[in-house]
Amino acid sequence: MITISRHEPSTGLTSTRRVHMGHSVDKFFVTFGLLALLHAAFSAAQHRAYLRLNEQEFTTLPLDILLQTVIGLMLACLGIVRVVGQFREIRAIADMENRTWDTITMHSSFCGFNHRGKKLFDEAKYADG
């Protein structure tokens, strides 16, 4: 487990979070799950090609390919969730607790400098004045 601290100069806040580095077992789950999904896709393509060669109609995939797909997907999802580490809270209040009202309402995206005021009060028009 690693602790990462980051200071945000614009807001004056320091955020700290702990990062759980994935274990090799979790990385193995991801790798094995993705390889199982890749193999299942290749097997499904081979099964379809086999059916076309024998001029049979496709109804469903064999049970072993379906099981391999489900197990591979579950292992990959489990491994990815465990490798990623600790999730952040969804609640907005968790991020807003330490911020002041001034830093919450300050957004540079709300400042518009390209507006009709340039045309209304053009310097060249009033220079002769």
C-alpha atoms as a PDB file:
ATOM      1  CA  MET A   1       0.000   0.000   0.000  1.00  0.00           C
ATOM      2  CA  ILE A   2       1.335   3.409  -1.024  1.00  0.00           C
ATOM      3  CA  THR A   3       0.132   6.791   0.269  1.00  0.00           C
ATOM      4  CA  ILE A   4       0.031   9.597  -2.299  1.00  0.00           C
ATOM      5  CA  SER A   5      -0.397  13.239  -1.258  1.00  0.00           C
ATOM      6  CA  ARG A   6      -1.187  15.940  -3.794  1.00  0.00           C
ATOM      7  CA  HIS A   7      -1.386  19.693  -3.133  1.00  0.00           C
ATOM      8  CA  GLU A   8      -3.706  21.706  -5.379  1.00  0.00           C
ATOM      9  CA  PRO A   9      -2.267  25.260  -5.558  1.00  0.00           C
ATOM     10  CA  SER A  10      -5.400  26.833  -7.073  1.00  0.00           C
ATOM     11  CA  THR A  11      -7.661  25.663  -4.241  1.00  0.00           C
ATOM     12  CA  GLY A  12      -5.102  25.397  -1.463  1.00  0.00           C
ATOM     13  CA  LEU A  13      -6.254  21.877  -0.590  1.00  0.00           C
ATOM     14  CA  THR A  14      -4.173  18.785  -0.052  1.00  0.00           C
ATOM     15  CA  SER A  15      -5.655  15.437  -0.978  1.00  0.00           C
ATOM     16  CA  THR A  16      -4.278  12.177   0.324  1.00  0.00           C
ATOM     17  CA  ARG A  17      -5.170   8.742  -0.925  1.00  0.00           C
ATOM     18  CA  ARG A  18      -3.871   5.274  -0.402  1.00  0.00           C
ATOM     19  CA  VAL A  19      -3.113   3.164  -3.438  1.00  0.00           C
ATOM     20  CA  HIS A  20      -3.236  -0.608  -3.213  1.00  0.00           C
ATOM     21  CA  MET A  21      -0.823  -2.054  -5.726  1.00  0.00           C
ATOM     22  CA  GLY A  22      -2.218  -5.194  -7.338  1.00  0.00           C
ATOM     23  CA  HIS A  23      -0.761  -8.490  -6.259  1.00  0.00           C
ATOM     24  CA  SER A  24       0.602 -10.937  -8.769  1.00  0.00           C
ATOM     25  CA  VAL A  25      -2.410 -13.238  -8.203  1.00  0.00           C
ATOM     26  CA  ASP A  26      -4.757 -10.435  -9.232  1.00  0.00           C
ATOM     27  CA  LYS A  27      -2.674  -9.701 -12.308  1.00  0.00           C
ATOM     28  CA  PHE A  28      -2.748 -13.406 -13.120  1.00  0.00           C
ATOM     29  CA  PHE A  29      -6.566 -13.313 -12.920  1.00  0.00           C
ATOM     30  CA  VAL A  30      -6.653 -10.445 -15.412  1.00  0.00           C
ATOM     31  CA  THR A  31      -4.216 -12.143 -17.774  1.00  0.00           C
ATOM     32  CA  PHE A  32      -5.862 -15.557 -17.541  1.00  0.00           C
ATOM     33  CA  GLY A  33      -9.357 -14.052 -17.919  1.00  0.00           C
ATOM     34  CA  LEU A  34      -8.402 -12.076 -21.015  1.00  0.00           C
ATOM     35  CA  LEU A  35      -6.658 -15.071 -22.547  1.00  0.00           C
ATOM     36  CA  ALA A  36      -9.717 -17.224 -21.837  1.00  0.00           C
ATOM     37  CA  LEU A  37     -11.941 -14.642 -23.547  1.00  0.00           C
ATOM     38  CA  LEU A  38      -9.601 -14.512 -26.529  1.00  0.00           C
ATOM     39  CA  HIS A  39      -9.576 -18.305 -26.771  1.00  0.00           C
ATOM     40  CA  ALA A  40     -13.368 -18.451 -26.485  1.00  0.00           C
ATOM     41  CA  ALA A  41     -13.734 -15.938 -29.314  1.00  0.00           C
ATOM     42  CA  PHE A  42     -11.329 -17.926 -31.479  1.00  0.00           C
ATOM     43  CA  SER A  43     -13.199 -21.157 -30.658  1.00  0.00           C
ATOM     44  CA  ALA A  44     -16.532 -19.553 -31.546  1.00  0.00           C
ATOM     45  CA  ALA A  45     -15.128 -18.409 -34.901  1.00  0.00           C
ATOM     46  CA  GLN A  46     -13.797 -21.915 -35.569  1.00  0.00           C
ATOM     47  CA  HIS A  47     -17.158 -23.428 -34.642  1.00  0.00           C
ATOM     48  CA  ARG A  48     -18.947 -21.127 -37.095  1.00  0.00           C
ATOM     49  CA  ALA A  49     -16.450 -21.997 -39.840  1.00  0.00           C
ATOM     50  CA  TYR A  50     -16.959 -25.715 -39.123  1.00  0.00           C
ATOM     51  CA  LEU A  51     -20.730 -25.322 -39.420  1.00  0.00           C
ATOM     52  CA  ARG A  52     -20.391 -23.484 -42.745  1.00  0.00           C
ATOM     53  CA  LEU A  53     -18.122 -26.181 -44.164  1.00  0.00           C
ATOM     54  CA  ASN A  54     -20.586 -28.931 -43.212  1.00  0.00           C
ATOM     55  CA  GLU A  55     -23.512 -26.793 -44.397  1.00  0.00           C
ATOM     56  CA  GLN A  56     -25.224 -26.955 -41.033  1.00  0.00           C
ATOM     57  CA  GLU A  57     -27.323 -24.188 -39.549  1.00  0.00           C
ATOM     58  CA  PHE A  58     -26.043 -22.238 -36.562  1.00  0.00           C
ATOM     59  CA  THR A  59     -28.316 -22.575 -33.558  1.00  0.00           C
ATOM     60  CA  THR A  60     -26.149 -21.937 -30.496  1.00  0.00           C
ATOM     61  CA  LEU A  61     -22.567 -22.170 -29.315  1.00  0.00           C
ATOM     62  CA  PRO A  62     -21.419 -25.324 -27.553  1.00  0.00           C
ATOM     63  CA  LEU A  63     -21.624 -25.315 -23.771  1.00  0.00           C
ATOM     64  CA  ASP A  64     -17.838 -25.427 -23.268  1.00  0.00           C
ATOM     65  CA  ILE A  65     -17.372 -22.190 -25.233  1.00  0.00           C
ATOM     66  CA  LEU A  66     -20.160 -20.488 -23.280  1.00  0.00           C
ATOM     67  CA  LEU A  67     -18.683 -21.606 -19.946  1.00  0.00           C
ATOM     68  CA  GLN A  68     -15.217 -20.506 -20.969  1.00  0.00           C
ATOM     69  CA  THR A  69     -16.591 -17.082 -21.921  1.00  0.00           C
ATOM     70  CA  VAL A  70     -18.453 -16.602 -18.631  1.00  0.00           C
ATOM     71  CA  ILE A  71     -15.562 -17.827 -16.479  1.00  0.00           C
ATOM     72  CA  GLY A  72     -13.035 -15.720 -18.421  1.00  0.00           C
ATOM     73  CA  LEU A  73     -15.219 -12.637 -18.079  1.00  0.00           C
ATOM     74  CA  MET A  74     -15.695 -13.166 -14.346  1.00  0.00           C
ATOM     75  CA  LEU A  75     -11.974 -13.715 -13.745  1.00  0.00           C
ATOM     76  CA  ALA A  76     -11.018 -10.665 -15.802  1.00  0.00           C
ATOM     77  CA  CYS A  77     -13.548  -8.455 -13.977  1.00  0.00           C
ATOM     78  CA  LEU A  78     -12.466  -9.730 -10.560  1.00  0.00           C
ATOM     79  CA  GLY A  79      -8.798  -9.206 -11.361  1.00  0.00           C
ATOM     80  CA  ILE A  80      -9.346  -5.708 -12.766  1.00  0.00           C
ATOM     81  CA  VAL A  81     -11.357  -4.601  -9.734  1.00  0.00           C
ATOM     82  CA  ARG A  82      -8.709  -5.934  -7.357  1.00  0.00           C
ATOM     83  CA  VAL A  83      -5.742  -4.497  -9.316  1.00  0.00           C
ATOM     84  CA  VAL A  84      -7.267  -1.019  -9.563  1.00  0.00           C
ATOM     85  CA  GLY A  85      -7.364  -0.627  -5.800  1.00  0.00           C
ATOM     86  CA  GLN A  86      -9.467   1.579  -3.591  1.00  0.00           C
ATOM     87  CA  PHE A  87     -12.403   3.353  -5.215  1.00  0.00           C
ATOM     88  CA  ARG A  88     -13.431   6.915  -4.419  1.00  0.00           C
ATOM     89  CA  GLU A  89     -16.755   7.709  -2.851  1.00  0.00           C
ATOM     90  CA  ILE A  90     -19.588   8.639  -5.166  1.00  0.00           C
ATOM     91  CA  ARG A  91     -20.999  11.188  -2.747  1.00  0.00           C
ATOM     92  CA  ALA A  92     -20.149  14.728  -3.858  1.00  0.00           C
ATOM     93  CA  ILE A  93     -19.905  15.933  -0.260  1.00  0.00           C
ATOM     94  CA  ALA A  94     -16.789  13.786   0.294  1.00  0.00           C
ATOM     95  CA  ASP A  95     -14.806  16.007  -2.095  1.00  0.00           C
ATOM     96  CA  MET A  96     -16.453  19.244  -1.021  1.00  0.00           C
ATOM     97  CA  GLU A  97     -15.962  19.009   2.759  1.00  0.00           C
ATOM     98  CA  ASN A  98     -12.689  20.915   2.905  1.00  0.00           C
ATOM     99  CA  ARG A  99     -13.415  23.511   0.219  1.00  0.00           C
ATOM    100  CA  THR A 100     -14.551  27.058   0.895  1.00  0.00           C
ATOM    101  CA  TRP A 101     -17.427  28.758  -0.895  1.00  0.00           C
ATOM    102  CA  ASP A 102     -14.992  30.925  -2.892  1.00  0.00           C
ATOM    103  CA  THR A 103     -13.141  27.948  -4.346  1.00  0.00           C
ATOM    104  CA  ILE A 104     -16.353  26.047  -5.110  1.00  0.00           C
ATOM    105  CA  THR A 105     -17.901  28.816  -7.213  1.00  0.00           C
ATOM    106  CA  MET A 106     -14.705  29.766  -9.063  1.00  0.00           C
ATOM    107  CA  HIS A 107     -14.701  28.107 -12.485  1.00  0.00           C
ATOM    108  CA  SER A 108     -12.740  29.545 -15.365  1.00  0.00           C
ATOM    109  CA  SER A 109     -15.106  27.896 -17.830  1.00  0.00           C
ATOM    110  CA  PHE A 110     -17.821  30.388 -16.829  1.00  0.00           C
ATOM    111  CA  CYS A 111     -15.709  33.365 -17.875  1.00  0.00           C
ATOM    112  CA  GLY A 112     -16.488  34.389 -21.439  1.00  0.00           C
ATOM    113  CA  PHE A 113     -14.259  36.920 -23.154  1.00  0.00           C
ATOM    114  CA  ASN A 114     -15.435  36.381 -26.711  1.00  0.00           C
ATOM    115  CA  HIS A 115     -18.768  38.229 -26.691  1.00  0.00           C
ATOM    116  CA  ARG A 116     -20.634  41.067 -28.476  1.00  0.00           C
ATOM    117  CA  GLY A 117     -19.134  43.700 -26.207  1.00  0.00           C
ATOM    118  CA  LYS A 118     -16.112  43.831 -28.494  1.00  0.00           C
ATOM    119  CA  LYS A 119     -18.282  45.026 -31.375  1.00  0.00           C
ATOM    120  CA  LEU A 120     -20.375  47.395 -29.272  1.00  0.00           C
ATOM    121  CA  PHE A 121     -17.422  49.194 -27.728  1.00  0.00           C
ATOM    122  CA  ASP A 122     -14.803  48.964 -30.455  1.00  0.00           C
ATOM    123  CA  GLU A 123     -11.754  51.153 -29.690  1.00  0.00           C
ATOM    124  CA  ALA A 124     -11.231  52.189 -33.326  1.00  0.00           C
ATOM    125  CA  LYS A 125     -14.814  53.443 -33.657  1.00  0.00           C
ATOM    126  CA  TYR A 126     -14.501  55.819 -30.683  1.00  0.00           C
ATOM    127  CA  ALA A 127     -10.900  56.893 -31.227  1.00  0.00           C
ATOM    128  CA  ASP A 128     -11.891  59.961 -33.293  1.00  0.00           C
ATOM    129  CA  GLY A 129     -14.411  60.943 -30.726  1.00  0.00           C
END
